[in-house]
């Protein structure tokens, strides 16, 4: 009986482990930010967000000041928060594209760090 229970539970866990969470893919919005530009915007947003999270431990302060801090990034790329949000929704429902975006950001930050370390030596 214990073997049957063990096998049943094992099968259930194996089945659940094989399932993957799938997002409903959204259609591309008319104002979609091109992937290369979106990658640059997201990288800058992530850096500013990281800075503010480090500086402000109070979530209320963080959520109140972050949008003001991000606005210059949006102005730089001539976009608004709605266009950014629509593009984020589109890319985040396409895992392969989103992984590419994050990989490019990681590579860029790593190269910048390595370059800075090399220069300072």
PDB file of N, CA and C in Angstrom:
ATOM      1  N   UNK A   1       0.828  -1.187   0.000  1.00  0.00           N
ATOM      2  CA  UNK A   1       0.000   0.000   0.000  1.00  0.00           C
ATOM      3  C   UNK A   1       0.878   1.259   0.000  1.00  0.00           C
ATOM      4  N   UNK A   2       1.966   1.241   0.790  1.00  0.00           N
ATOM      5  CA  UNK A   2       2.860   2.392   0.835  1.00  0.00           C
ATOM      6  C   UNK A   2       3.516   2.621  -0.519  1.00  0.00           C
ATOM      7  N   UNK A   3       3.858   1.542  -1.207  1.00  0.00           N
ATOM      8  CA  UNK A   3       4.473   1.675  -2.528  1.00  0.00           C
ATOM      9  C   UNK A   3       3.501   2.299  -3.506  1.00  0.00           C
ATOM     10  N   UNK A   4       2.224   1.902  -3.433  1.00  0.00           N
ATOM     11  CA  UNK A   4       1.210   2.451  -4.335  1.00  0.00           C
ATOM     12  C   UNK A   4       1.021   3.942  -4.062  1.00  0.00           C
ATOM     13  N   UNK A   5       0.953   4.301  -2.798  1.00  0.00           N
ATOM     14  CA  UNK A   5       0.812   5.703  -2.429  1.00  0.00           C
ATOM     15  C   UNK A   5       2.014   6.500  -2.892  1.00  0.00           C
ATOM     16  N   UNK A   6       3.215   5.954  -2.678  1.00  0.00           N
ATOM     17  CA  UNK A   6       4.439   6.620  -3.098  1.00  0.00           C
ATOM     18  C   UNK A   6       4.467   6.814  -4.617  1.00  0.00           C
ATOM     19  N   UNK A   7       4.102   5.763  -5.357  1.00  0.00           N
ATOM     20  CA  UNK A   7       4.084   5.854  -6.818  1.00  0.00           C
ATOM     21  C   UNK A   7       3.034   6.849  -7.303  1.00  0.00           C
ATOM     22  N   UNK A   8       1.877   6.868  -6.648  1.00  0.00           N
ATOM     23  CA  UNK A   8       0.822   7.807  -7.036  1.00  0.00           C
ATOM     24  C   UNK A   8       1.260   9.249  -6.807  1.00  0.00           C
ATOM     25  N   UNK A   9       1.810   9.501  -5.625  1.00  0.00           N
ATOM     26  CA  UNK A   9       2.286  10.855  -5.330  1.00  0.00           C
ATOM     27  C   UNK A   9       3.427  11.242  -6.255  1.00  0.00           C
ATOM     28  N   UNK A  10       4.329  10.293  -6.502  1.00  0.00           N
ATOM     29  CA  UNK A  10       5.439  10.565  -7.415  1.00  0.00           C
ATOM     30  C   UNK A  10       4.943  10.911  -8.809  1.00  0.00           C
ATOM     31  N   UNK A  11       3.938  10.198  -9.279  1.00  0.00           N
ATOM     32  CA  UNK A  11       3.371  10.468 -10.605  1.00  0.00           C
ATOM     33  C   UNK A  11       2.726  11.841 -10.666  1.00  0.00           C
ATOM     34  N   UNK A  12       2.022  12.191  -9.587  1.00  0.00           N
ATOM     35  CA  UNK A  12       1.369  13.509  -9.548  1.00  0.00           C
ATOM     36  C   UNK A  12       2.415  14.611  -9.589  1.00  0.00           C
ATOM     37  N   UNK A  13       3.461  14.494  -8.769  1.00  0.00           N
ATOM     38  CA  UNK A  13       4.513  15.512  -8.761  1.00  0.00           C
ATOM     39  C   UNK A  13       5.246  15.576 -10.092  1.00  0.00           C
ATOM     40  N   UNK A  14       5.470  14.425 -10.702  1.00  0.00           N
ATOM     41  CA  UNK A  14       6.123  14.389 -12.007  1.00  0.00           C
ATOM     42  C   UNK A  14       5.248  15.078 -13.051  1.00  0.00           C
ATOM     43  N   UNK A  15       3.950  14.817 -13.004  1.00  0.00           N
ATOM     44  CA  UNK A  15       3.022  15.438 -13.944  1.00  0.00           C
ATOM     45  C   UNK A  15       2.980  16.946 -13.739  1.00  0.00           C
ATOM     46  N   UNK A  16       2.873  17.378 -12.482  1.00  0.00           N
ATOM     47  CA  UNK A  16       2.817  18.811 -12.204  1.00  0.00           C
ATOM     48  C   UNK A  16       4.124  19.498 -12.570  1.00  0.00           C
ATOM     49  N   UNK A  17       5.237  18.810 -12.360  1.00  0.00           N
ATOM     50  CA  UNK A  17       6.533  19.384 -12.704  1.00  0.00           C
ATOM     51  C   UNK A  17       6.709  19.549 -14.199  1.00  0.00           C
ATOM     52  N   UNK A  18       6.070  18.695 -14.977  1.00  0.00           N
ATOM     53  CA  UNK A  18       6.185  18.768 -16.428  1.00  0.00           C
ATOM     54  C   UNK A  18       5.337  19.893 -17.001  1.00  0.00           C
ATOM     55  N   UNK A  19       4.331  20.316 -16.258  1.00  0.00           N
ATOM     56  CA  UNK A  19       3.476  21.405 -16.725  1.00  0.00           C
ATOM     57  C   UNK A  19       4.220  22.721 -16.556  1.00  0.00           C
ATOM     58  N   UNK A  20       4.029  23.601 -17.475  1.00  0.00           N
ATOM     59  CA  UNK A  20       4.661  24.905 -17.339  1.00  0.00           C
ATOM     60  C   UNK A  20       3.586  25.980 -17.338  1.00  0.00           C
ATOM     61  N   UNK A  21       3.897  27.036 -16.660  1.00  0.00           N
ATOM     62  CA  UNK A  21       2.976  28.158 -16.607  1.00  0.00           C
ATOM     63  C   UNK A  21       3.028  28.875 -17.938  1.00  0.00           C
ATOM     64  N   UNK A  22       1.883  29.086 -18.539  1.00  0.00           N
ATOM     65  CA  UNK A  22       1.838  29.747 -19.836  1.00  0.00           C
ATOM     66  C   UNK A  22       1.056  31.041 -19.720  1.00  0.00           C
ATOM     67  N   UNK A  23       1.592  32.062 -20.333  1.00  0.00           N
ATOM     68  CA  UNK A  23       0.918  33.343 -20.374  1.00  0.00           C
ATOM     69  C   UNK A  23       0.049  33.401 -21.610  1.00  0.00           C
ATOM     70  N   UNK A  24      -1.077  34.072 -21.484  1.00  0.00           N
ATOM     71  CA  UNK A  24      -1.875  34.334 -22.678  1.00  0.00           C
ATOM     72  C   UNK A  24      -1.153  35.420 -23.454  1.00  0.00           C
ATOM     73  N   UNK A  25      -0.791  35.115 -24.671  1.00  0.00           N
ATOM     74  CA  UNK A  25      -0.058  36.094 -25.469  1.00  0.00           C
ATOM     75  C   UNK A  25      -1.001  37.212 -25.896  1.00  0.00           C
ATOM     76  N   UNK A  26      -0.542  38.412 -25.703  1.00  0.00           N
ATOM     77  CA  UNK A  26      -1.297  39.601 -26.095  1.00  0.00           C
ATOM     78  C   UNK A  26      -0.855  40.011 -27.491  1.00  0.00           C
ATOM     79  N   UNK A  27      -1.778  40.583 -28.231  1.00  0.00           N
ATOM     80  CA  UNK A  27      -1.422  41.120 -29.547  1.00  0.00           C
ATOM     81  C   UNK A  27      -0.503  42.314 -29.358  1.00  0.00           C
ATOM     82  N   UNK A  28       0.340  42.531 -30.344  1.00  0.00           N
ATOM     83  CA  UNK A  28       1.241  43.684 -30.283  1.00  0.00           C
ATOM     84  C   UNK A  28       0.420  44.966 -30.316  1.00  0.00           C
ATOM     85  N   UNK A  29       0.675  45.868 -29.371  1.00  0.00           N
ATOM     86  CA  UNK A  29      -0.053  47.142 -29.400  1.00  0.00           C
ATOM     87  C   UNK A  29       0.410  47.980 -30.589  1.00  0.00           C
ATOM     88  N   UNK A  30      -0.432  48.874 -31.016  1.00  0.00           N
ATOM     89  CA  UNK A  30      -0.087  49.747 -32.150  1.00  0.00           C
ATOM     90  C   UNK A  30       1.144  50.588 -31.853  1.00  0.00           C
ATOM     91  N   UNK A  31       1.326  50.916 -30.588  1.00  0.00           N
ATOM     92  CA  UNK A  31       2.446  51.780 -30.205  1.00  0.00           C
ATOM     93  C   UNK A  31       3.593  50.991 -29.566  1.00  0.00           C
ATOM     94  N   UNK A  32       3.767  49.739 -29.961  1.00  0.00           N
ATOM     95  CA  UNK A  32       4.805  48.884 -29.382  1.00  0.00           C
ATOM     96  C   UNK A  32       6.184  49.530 -29.513  1.00  0.00           C
ATOM     97  N   UNK A  33       6.908  49.535 -28.421  1.00  0.00           N
ATOM     98  CA  UNK A  33       8.280  50.030 -28.442  1.00  0.00           C
ATOM     99  C   UNK A  33       9.136  48.928 -29.061  1.00  0.00           C
ATOM    100  N   UNK A  34       9.923  49.241 -30.083  1.00  0.00           N
ATOM    101  CA  UNK A  34      10.777  48.214 -30.692  1.00  0.00           C
ATOM    102  C   UNK A  34      11.668  47.558 -29.638  1.00  0.00           C
ATOM    103  N   UNK A  35      11.967  46.277 -29.836  1.00  0.00           N
ATOM    104  CA  UNK A  35      12.670  45.484 -28.830  1.00  0.00           C
ATOM    105  C   UNK A  35      14.004  46.103 -28.418  1.00  0.00           C
ATOM    106  N   UNK A  36      14.778  46.603 -29.358  1.00  0.00           N
ATOM    107  CA  UNK A  36      16.081  47.179 -28.994  1.00  0.00           C
ATOM    108  C   UNK A  36      15.911  48.427 -28.130  1.00  0.00           C
ATOM    109  N   UNK A  37      14.941  49.254 -28.460  1.00  0.00           N
ATOM    110  CA  UNK A  37      14.674  50.457 -27.669  1.00  0.00           C
ATOM    111  C   UNK A  37      14.088  50.079 -26.317  1.00  0.00           C
ATOM    112  N   UNK A  38      13.165  49.130 -26.323  1.00  0.00           N
ATOM    113  CA  UNK A  38      12.561  48.670 -25.075  1.00  0.00           C
ATOM    114  C   UNK A  38      13.631  48.139 -24.119  1.00  0.00           C
ATOM    115  N   UNK A  39      14.602  47.441 -24.655  1.00  0.00           N
ATOM    116  CA  UNK A  39      15.695  46.900 -23.845  1.00  0.00           C
ATOM    117  C   UNK A  39      16.466  48.035 -23.173  1.00  0.00           C
ATOM    118  N   UNK A  40      16.767  49.082 -23.920  1.00  0.00           N
ATOM    119  CA  UNK A  40      17.497  50.218 -23.340  1.00  0.00           C
ATOM    120  C   UNK A  40      16.663  50.931 -22.279  1.00  0.00           C
ATOM    121  N   UNK A  41      15.375  51.109 -22.563  1.00  0.00           N
ATOM    122  CA  UNK A  41      14.495  51.773 -21.599  1.00  0.00           C
ATOM    123  C   UNK A  41      14.386  50.945 -20.332  1.00  0.00           C
ATOM    124  N   UNK A  42      14.141  49.653 -20.491  1.00  0.00           N
ATOM    125  CA  UNK A  42      13.995  48.785 -19.326  1.00  0.00           C
ATOM    126  C   UNK A  42      15.269  48.755 -18.500  1.00  0.00           C
ATOM    127  N   UNK A  43      16.407  48.737 -19.143  1.00  0.00           N
ATOM    128  CA  UNK A  43      17.673  48.743 -18.402  1.00  0.00           C
ATOM    129  C   UNK A  43      17.784  50.005 -17.554  1.00  0.00           C
ATOM    130  N   UNK A  44      17.488  51.139 -18.118  1.00  0.00           N
ATOM    131  CA  UNK A  44      17.579  52.388 -17.362  1.00  0.00           C
ATOM    132  C   UNK A  44      16.551  52.429 -16.235  1.00  0.00           C
ATOM    133  N   UNK A  45      15.355  51.938 -16.506  1.00  0.00           N
ATOM    134  CA  UNK A  45      14.312  51.892 -15.475  1.00  0.00           C
ATOM    135  C   UNK A  45      14.755  50.985 -14.329  1.00  0.00           C
ATOM    136  N   UNK A  46      15.326  49.845 -14.664  1.00  0.00           N
ATOM    137  CA  UNK A  46      15.777  48.904 -13.634  1.00  0.00           C
ATOM    138  C   UNK A  46      16.886  49.511 -12.773  1.00  0.00           C
ATOM    139  N   UNK A  47      17.773  50.253 -13.378  1.00  0.00           N
ATOM    140  CA  UNK A  47      18.861  50.880 -12.624  1.00  0.00           C
ATOM    141  C   UNK A  47      18.310  51.932 -11.667  1.00  0.00           C
ATOM    142  N   UNK A  48      17.409  52.767 -12.160  1.00  0.00           N
ATOM    143  CA  UNK A  48      16.799  53.792 -11.306  1.00  0.00           C
ATOM    144  C   UNK A  48      15.982  53.131 -10.192  1.00  0.00           C
ATOM    145  N   UNK A  49      15.221  52.112 -10.553  1.00  0.00           N
ATOM    146  CA  UNK A  49      14.422  51.401  -9.561  1.00  0.00           C
ATOM    147  C   UNK A  49      15.313  50.776  -8.484  1.00  0.00           C
ATOM    148  N   UNK A  50      16.400  50.185  -8.889  1.00  0.00           N
ATOM    149  CA  UNK A  50      17.332  49.580  -7.937  1.00  0.00           C
ATOM    150  C   UNK A  50      17.913  50.631  -6.995  1.00  0.00           C
ATOM    151  N   UNK A  51      18.290  51.772  -7.550  1.00  0.00           N
ATOM    152  CA  UNK A  51      18.838  52.854  -6.739  1.00  0.00           C
ATOM    153  C   UNK A  51      17.817  53.307  -5.688  1.00  0.00           C
ATOM    154  N   UNK A  52      16.579  53.524  -6.127  1.00  0.00           N
ATOM    155  CA  UNK A  52      15.560  54.006  -5.199  1.00  0.00           C
ATOM    156  C   UNK A  52      15.191  52.950  -4.162  1.00  0.00           C
ATOM    157  N   UNK A  53      15.184  51.695  -4.544  1.00  0.00           N
ATOM    158  CA  UNK A  53      14.912  50.641  -3.560  1.00  0.00           C
ATOM    159  C   UNK A  53      16.001  50.611  -2.497  1.00  0.00           C
ATOM    160  N   UNK A  54      17.221  50.847  -2.921  1.00  0.00           N
ATOM    161  CA  UNK A  54      18.336  50.856  -1.979  1.00  0.00           C
ATOM    162  C   UNK A  54      18.280  52.077  -1.055  1.00  0.00           C
ATOM    163  N   UNK A  55      17.880  53.207  -1.599  1.00  0.00           N
ATOM    164  CA  UNK A  55      17.861  54.457  -0.834  1.00  0.00           C
ATOM    165  C   UNK A  55      16.653  54.578   0.090  1.00  0.00           C
ATOM    166  N   UNK A  56      15.527  54.007  -0.324  1.00  0.00           N
ATOM    167  CA  UNK A  56      14.279  54.192   0.420  1.00  0.00           C
ATOM    168  C   UNK A  56      13.704  52.844   0.837  1.00  0.00           C
ATOM    169  N   UNK A  57      13.797  52.554   2.102  1.00  0.00           N
ATOM    170  CA  UNK A  57      13.283  51.280   2.591  1.00  0.00           C
ATOM    171  C   UNK A  57      11.766  51.312   2.770  1.00  0.00           C
ATOM    172  N   UNK A  58      11.199  52.507   2.853  1.00  0.00           N
ATOM    173  CA  UNK A  58       9.753  52.642   3.005  1.00  0.00           C
ATOM    174  C   UNK A  58       9.086  52.481   1.643  1.00  0.00           C
ATOM    175  N   UNK A  59       8.238  51.483   1.509  1.00  0.00           N
ATOM    176  CA  UNK A  59       7.584  51.177   0.239  1.00  0.00           C
ATOM    177  C   UNK A  59       6.723  52.340  -0.243  1.00  0.00           C
ATOM    178  N   UNK A  60       6.065  53.042   0.670  1.00  0.00           N
ATOM    179  CA  UNK A  60       5.224  54.171   0.276  1.00  0.00           C
ATOM    180  C   UNK A  60       6.057  55.288  -0.356  1.00  0.00           C
ATOM    181  N   UNK A  61       7.205  55.579   0.255  1.00  0.00           N
ATOM    182  CA  UNK A  61       8.083  56.608  -0.310  1.00  0.00           C
ATOM    183  C   UNK A  61       8.593  56.177  -1.676  1.00  0.00           C
ATOM    184  N   UNK A  62       8.983  54.924  -1.755  1.00  0.00           N
ATOM    185  CA  UNK A  62       9.503  54.371  -3.004  1.00  0.00           C
ATOM    186  C   UNK A  62       8.459  54.475  -4.128  1.00  0.00           C
ATOM    187  N   UNK A  63       7.249  54.042  -3.849  1.00  0.00           N
ATOM    188  CA  UNK A  63       6.209  54.049  -4.887  1.00  0.00           C
ATOM    189  C   UNK A  63       5.772  55.459  -5.257  1.00  0.00           C
ATOM    190  N   UNK A  64       5.990  56.402  -4.371  1.00  0.00           N
ATOM    191  CA  UNK A  64       5.614  57.787  -4.657  1.00  0.00           C
ATOM    192  C   UNK A  64       6.701  58.509  -5.467  1.00  0.00           C
ATOM    193  N   UNK A  65       7.963  58.212  -5.193  1.00  0.00           N
ATOM    194  CA  UNK A  65       9.048  58.939  -5.855  1.00  0.00           C
ATOM    195  C   UNK A  65       9.523  58.292  -7.152  1.00  0.00           C
ATOM    196  N   UNK A  66       9.342  56.987  -7.287  1.00  0.00           N
ATOM    197  CA  UNK A  66       9.855  56.300  -8.468  1.00  0.00           C
ATOM    198  C   UNK A  66       9.270  56.824  -9.789  1.00  0.00           C
ATOM    199  N   UNK A  67       7.955  57.003  -9.896  1.00  0.00           N
ATOM    200  CA  UNK A  67       7.430  57.502 -11.182  1.00  0.00           C
ATOM    201  C   UNK A  67       8.047  58.830 -11.616  1.00  0.00           C
ATOM    202  N   UNK A  68       8.296  59.711 -10.665  1.00  0.00           N
ATOM    203  CA  UNK A  68       8.936  60.994 -10.998  1.00  0.00           C
ATOM    204  C   UNK A  68      10.357  60.774 -11.499  1.00  0.00           C
ATOM    205  N   UNK A  69      11.032  59.808 -10.923  1.00  0.00           N
ATOM    206  CA  UNK A  69      12.415  59.524 -11.314  1.00  0.00           C
ATOM    207  C   UNK A  69      12.497  58.855 -12.686  1.00  0.00           C
ATOM    208  N   UNK A  70      11.461  58.140 -13.055  1.00  0.00           N
ATOM    209  CA  UNK A  70      11.459  57.431 -14.333  1.00  0.00           C
ATOM    210  C   UNK A  70      11.026  58.338 -15.493  1.00  0.00           C
ATOM    211  N   UNK A  71      10.290  59.372 -15.206  1.00  0.00           N
ATOM    212  CA  UNK A  71       9.809  60.270 -16.273  1.00  0.00           C
ATOM    213  C   UNK A  71      10.911  60.786 -17.189  1.00  0.00           C
ATOM    214  N   UNK A  72      12.079  61.189 -16.682  1.00  0.00           N
ATOM    215  CA  UNK A  72      13.139  61.627 -17.601  1.00  0.00           C
ATOM    216  C   UNK A  72      13.578  60.540 -18.591  1.00  0.00           C
ATOM    217  N   UNK A  73      13.511  59.288 -18.165  1.00  0.00           N
ATOM    218  CA  UNK A  73      13.839  58.192 -19.084  1.00  0.00           C
ATOM    219  C   UNK A  73      12.804  58.130 -20.200  1.00  0.00           C
ATOM    220  N   UNK A  74      11.544  58.225 -19.821  1.00  0.00           N
ATOM    221  CA  UNK A  74      10.482  58.202 -20.827  1.00  0.00           C
ATOM    222  C   UNK A  74      10.613  59.384 -21.784  1.00  0.00           C
ATOM    223  N   UNK A  75      10.952  60.548 -21.248  1.00  0.00           N
ATOM    224  CA  UNK A  75      11.132  61.729 -22.097  1.00  0.00           C
ATOM    225  C   UNK A  75      12.308  61.534 -23.060  1.00  0.00           C
ATOM    226  N   UNK A  76      13.378  60.950 -22.562  1.00  0.00           N
ATOM    227  CA  UNK A  76      14.566  60.698 -23.385  1.00  0.00           C
ATOM    228  C   UNK A  76      14.228  59.853 -24.606  1.00  0.00           C
ATOM    229  N   UNK A  77      13.362  58.855 -24.405  1.00  0.00           N
ATOM    230  CA  UNK A  77      12.999  57.947 -25.497  1.00  0.00           C
ATOM    231  C   UNK A  77      11.666  58.320 -26.164  1.00  0.00           C
ATOM    232  N   UNK A  78      11.124  59.456 -25.759  1.00  0.00           N
ATOM    233  CA  UNK A  78       9.886  59.965 -26.345  1.00  0.00           C
ATOM    234  C   UNK A  78       8.733  58.963 -26.229  1.00  0.00           C
ATOM    235  N   UNK A  79       8.553  58.424 -25.014  1.00  0.00           N
ATOM    236  CA  UNK A  79       7.452  57.507 -24.749  1.00  0.00           C
ATOM    237  C   UNK A  79       6.727  57.968 -23.490  1.00  0.00           C
ATOM    238  N   UNK A  80       5.594  57.370 -23.215  1.00  0.00           N
ATOM    239  CA  UNK A  80       4.881  57.660 -21.970  1.00  0.00           C
ATOM    240  C   UNK A  80       4.649  56.364 -21.206  1.00  0.00           C
ATOM    241  N   UNK A  81       4.116  56.487 -20.005  1.00  0.00           N
ATOM    242  CA  UNK A  81       3.958  55.309 -19.148  1.00  0.00           C
ATOM    243  C   UNK A  81       2.979  54.295 -19.741  1.00  0.00           C
ATOM    244  N   UNK A  82       1.981  54.761 -20.463  1.00  0.00           N
ATOM    245  CA  UNK A  82       1.020  53.846 -21.080  1.00  0.00           C
ATOM    246  C   UNK A  82       1.693  53.025 -22.169  1.00  0.00           C
ATOM    247  N   UNK A  83       2.475  53.674 -22.994  1.00  0.00           N
ATOM    248  CA  UNK A  83       3.177  52.955 -24.063  1.00  0.00           C
ATOM    249  C   UNK A  83       4.168  51.960 -23.463  1.00  0.00           C
ATOM    250  N   UNK A  84       4.857  52.366 -22.423  1.00  0.00           N
ATOM    251  CA  UNK A  84       5.793  51.477 -21.738  1.00  0.00           C
ATOM    252  C   UNK A  84       5.053  50.275 -21.149  1.00  0.00           C
ATOM    253  N   UNK A  85       3.955  50.529 -20.491  1.00  0.00           N
ATOM    254  CA  UNK A  85       3.174  49.465 -19.871  1.00  0.00           C
ATOM    255  C   UNK A  85       2.633  48.490 -20.915  1.00  0.00           C
ATOM    256  N   UNK A  86       2.124  49.018 -22.025  1.00  0.00           N
ATOM    257  CA  UNK A  86       1.610  48.168 -23.103  1.00  0.00           C
ATOM    258  C   UNK A  86       2.723  47.305 -23.696  1.00  0.00           C
ATOM    259  N   UNK A  87       3.881  47.882 -23.875  1.00  0.00           N
ATOM    260  CA  UNK A  87       5.020  47.141 -24.412  1.00  0.00           C
ATOM    261  C   UNK A  87       5.511  46.098 -23.416  1.00  0.00           C
ATOM    262  N   UNK A  88       5.539  46.460 -22.133  1.00  0.00           N
ATOM    263  CA  UNK A  88       5.940  45.510 -21.096  1.00  0.00           C
ATOM    264  C   UNK A  88       4.998  44.314 -21.086  1.00  0.00           C
ATOM    265  N   UNK A  89       3.713  44.550 -21.198  1.00  0.00           N
ATOM    266  CA  UNK A  89       2.734  43.462 -21.231  1.00  0.00           C
ATOM    267  C   UNK A  89       2.972  42.566 -22.435  1.00  0.00           C
ATOM    268  N   UNK A  90       3.208  43.174 -23.579  1.00  0.00           N
ATOM    269  CA  UNK A  90       3.444  42.400 -24.803  1.00  0.00           C
ATOM    270  C   UNK A  90       4.690  41.526 -24.662  1.00  0.00           C
ATOM    271  N   UNK A  91       5.811  42.121 -24.296  1.00  0.00           N
ATOM    272  CA  UNK A  91       7.063  41.369 -24.214  1.00  0.00           C
ATOM    273  C   UNK A  91       7.032  40.326 -23.088  1.00  0.00           C
ATOM    274  N   UNK A  92       6.403  40.657 -21.981  1.00  0.00           N
ATOM    275  CA  UNK A  92       6.394  39.721 -20.854  1.00  0.00           C
ATOM    276  C   UNK A  92       5.512  38.503 -21.103  1.00  0.00           C
ATOM    277  N   UNK A  93       4.627  38.568 -22.084  1.00  0.00           N
ATOM    278  CA  UNK A  93       3.823  37.398 -22.417  1.00  0.00           C
ATOM    279  C   UNK A  93       4.476  36.553 -23.510  1.00  0.00           C
ATOM    280  N   UNK A  94       5.662  36.949 -23.912  1.00  0.00           N
ATOM    281  CA  UNK A  94       6.452  36.185 -24.884  1.00  0.00           C
ATOM    282  C   UNK A  94       7.797  35.882 -24.245  1.00  0.00           C
ATOM    283  N   UNK A  95       7.844  34.761 -23.543  1.00  0.00           N
ATOM    284  CA  UNK A  95       9.020  34.434 -22.735  1.00  0.00           C
ATOM    285  C   UNK A  95      10.317  34.481 -23.521  1.00  0.00           C
ATOM    286  N   UNK A  96      10.314  33.964 -24.727  1.00  0.00           N
ATOM    287  CA  UNK A  96      11.565  33.926 -25.488  1.00  0.00           C
ATOM    288  C   UNK A  96      12.082  35.333 -25.767  1.00  0.00           C
ATOM    289  N   UNK A  97      11.184  36.268 -26.072  1.00  0.00           N
ATOM    290  CA  UNK A  97      11.604  37.652 -26.317  1.00  0.00           C
ATOM    291  C   UNK A  97      12.042  38.323 -25.023  1.00  0.00           C
ATOM    292  N   UNK A  98      11.321  38.037 -23.954  1.00  0.00           N
ATOM    293  CA  UNK A  98      11.634  38.653 -22.674  1.00  0.00           C
ATOM    294  C   UNK A  98      12.982  38.159 -22.147  1.00  0.00           C
ATOM    295  N   UNK A  99      13.261  36.886 -22.343  1.00  0.00           N
ATOM    296  CA  UNK A  99      14.561  36.340 -21.943  1.00  0.00           C
ATOM    297  C   UNK A  99      15.674  37.005 -22.734  1.00  0.00           C
ATOM    298  N   UNK A 100      15.444  37.248 -24.024  1.00  0.00           N
ATOM    299  CA  UNK A 100      16.443  37.946 -24.846  1.00  0.00           C
ATOM    300  C   UNK A 100      16.687  39.354 -24.316  1.00  0.00           C
ATOM    301  N   UNK A 101      15.616  40.042 -23.957  1.00  0.00           N
ATOM    302  CA  UNK A 101      15.728  41.402 -23.427  1.00  0.00           C
ATOM    303  C   UNK A 101      16.570  41.389 -22.151  1.00  0.00           C
ATOM    304  N   UNK A 102      16.230  40.520 -21.213  1.00  0.00           N
ATOM    305  CA  UNK A 102      16.970  40.449 -19.954  1.00  0.00           C
ATOM    306  C   UNK A 102      18.412  39.999 -20.163  1.00  0.00           C
ATOM    307  N   UNK A 103      18.645  39.107 -21.094  1.00  0.00           N
ATOM    308  CA  UNK A 103      20.018  38.670 -21.387  1.00  0.00           C
ATOM    309  C   UNK A 103      20.847  39.832 -21.927  1.00  0.00           C
ATOM    310  N   UNK A 104      20.250  40.633 -22.802  1.00  0.00           N
ATOM    311  CA  UNK A 104      20.961  41.793 -23.342  1.00  0.00           C
ATOM    312  C   UNK A 104      21.271  42.802 -22.242  1.00  0.00           C
ATOM    313  N   UNK A 105      20.329  42.992 -21.333  1.00  0.00           N
ATOM    314  CA  UNK A 105      20.553  43.914 -20.220  1.00  0.00           C
ATOM    315  C   UNK A 105      21.679  43.391 -19.332  1.00  0.00           C
ATOM    316  N   UNK A 106      21.624  42.122 -19.015  1.00  0.00           N
ATOM    317  CA  UNK A 106      22.665  41.524 -18.178  1.00  0.00           C
ATOM    318  C   UNK A 106      24.026  41.624 -18.852  1.00  0.00           C
ATOM    319  N   UNK A 107      24.090  41.318 -20.134  1.00  0.00           N
ATOM    320  CA  UNK A 107      25.361  41.417 -20.858  1.00  0.00           C
ATOM    321  C   UNK A 107      25.888  42.842 -20.846  1.00  0.00           C
ATOM    322  N   UNK A 108      25.004  43.792 -21.071  1.00  0.00           N
ATOM    323  CA  UNK A 108      25.408  45.192 -21.098  1.00  0.00           C
ATOM    324  C   UNK A 108      25.942  45.644 -19.742  1.00  0.00           C
ATOM    325  N   UNK A 109      25.238  45.287 -18.682  1.00  0.00           N
ATOM    326  CA  UNK A 109      25.688  45.672 -17.343  1.00  0.00           C
ATOM    327  C   UNK A 109      26.998  44.983 -16.982  1.00  0.00           C
ATOM    328  N   UNK A 110      27.143  43.735 -17.375  1.00  0.00           N
ATOM    329  CA  UNK A 110      28.381  43.006 -17.101  1.00  0.00           C
ATOM    330  C   UNK A 110      29.549  43.629 -17.849  1.00  0.00           C
ATOM    331  N   UNK A 111      29.345  43.954 -19.126  1.00  0.00           N
ATOM    332  CA  UNK A 111      30.411  44.580 -19.909  1.00  0.00           C
ATOM    333  C   UNK A 111      30.779  45.944 -19.355  1.00  0.00           C
ATOM    334  N   UNK A 112      29.774  46.706 -18.938  1.00  0.00           N
ATOM    335  CA  UNK A 112      30.051  48.017 -18.341  1.00  0.00           C
ATOM    336  C   UNK A 112      30.857  47.879 -17.061  1.00  0.00           C
ATOM    337  N   UNK A 113      30.515  46.896 -16.241  1.00  0.00           N
ATOM    338  CA  UNK A 113      31.236  46.675 -14.991  1.00  0.00           C
ATOM    339  C   UNK A 113      32.660  46.233 -15.259  1.00  0.00           C
ATOM    340  N   UNK A 114      32.834  45.317 -16.214  1.00  0.00           N
ATOM    341  CA  UNK A 114      34.168  44.846 -16.553  1.00  0.00           C
ATOM    342  C   UNK A 114      35.010  45.974 -17.117  1.00  0.00           C
ATOM    343  N   UNK A 115      34.424  46.799 -17.979  1.00  0.00           N
ATOM    344  CA  UNK A 115      35.154  47.932 -18.555  1.00  0.00           C
ATOM    345  C   UNK A 115      35.573  48.910 -17.484  1.00  0.00           C
ATOM    346  N   UNK A 116      34.676  49.199 -16.553  1.00  0.00           N
ATOM    347  CA  UNK A 116      34.970  50.137 -15.476  1.00  0.00           C
ATOM    348  C   UNK A 116      36.076  49.583 -14.585  1.00  0.00           C
ATOM    349  N   UNK A 117      36.024  48.286 -14.297  1.00  0.00           N
ATOM    350  CA  UNK A 117      37.061  47.658 -13.470  1.00  0.00           C
ATOM    351  C   UNK A 117      38.416  47.680 -14.167  1.00  0.00           C
ATOM    352  N   UNK A 118      38.417  47.468 -15.474  1.00  0.00           N
ATOM    353  CA  UNK A 118      39.646  47.473 -16.242  1.00  0.00           C
ATOM    354  C   UNK A 118      40.267  48.858 -16.263  1.00  0.00           C
ATOM    355  N   UNK A 119      39.445  49.876 -16.429  1.00  0.00           N
ATOM    356  CA  UNK A 119      39.923  51.249 -16.486  1.00  0.00           C
ATOM    357  C   UNK A 119      40.504  51.672 -15.133  1.00  0.00           C
ATOM    358  N   UNK A 120      39.883  51.241 -14.038  1.00  0.00           N
ATOM    359  CA  UNK A 120      40.320  51.677 -12.717  1.00  0.00           C
ATOM    360  C   UNK A 120      41.604  50.991 -12.253  1.00  0.00           C
ATOM    361  N   UNK A 121      42.050  49.981 -12.978  1.00  0.00           N
ATOM    362  CA  UNK A 121      43.274  49.276 -12.553  1.00  0.00           C
ATOM    363  C   UNK A 121      44.475  49.998 -12.968  1.00  0.00           C
TER     364      UNK A 121
END
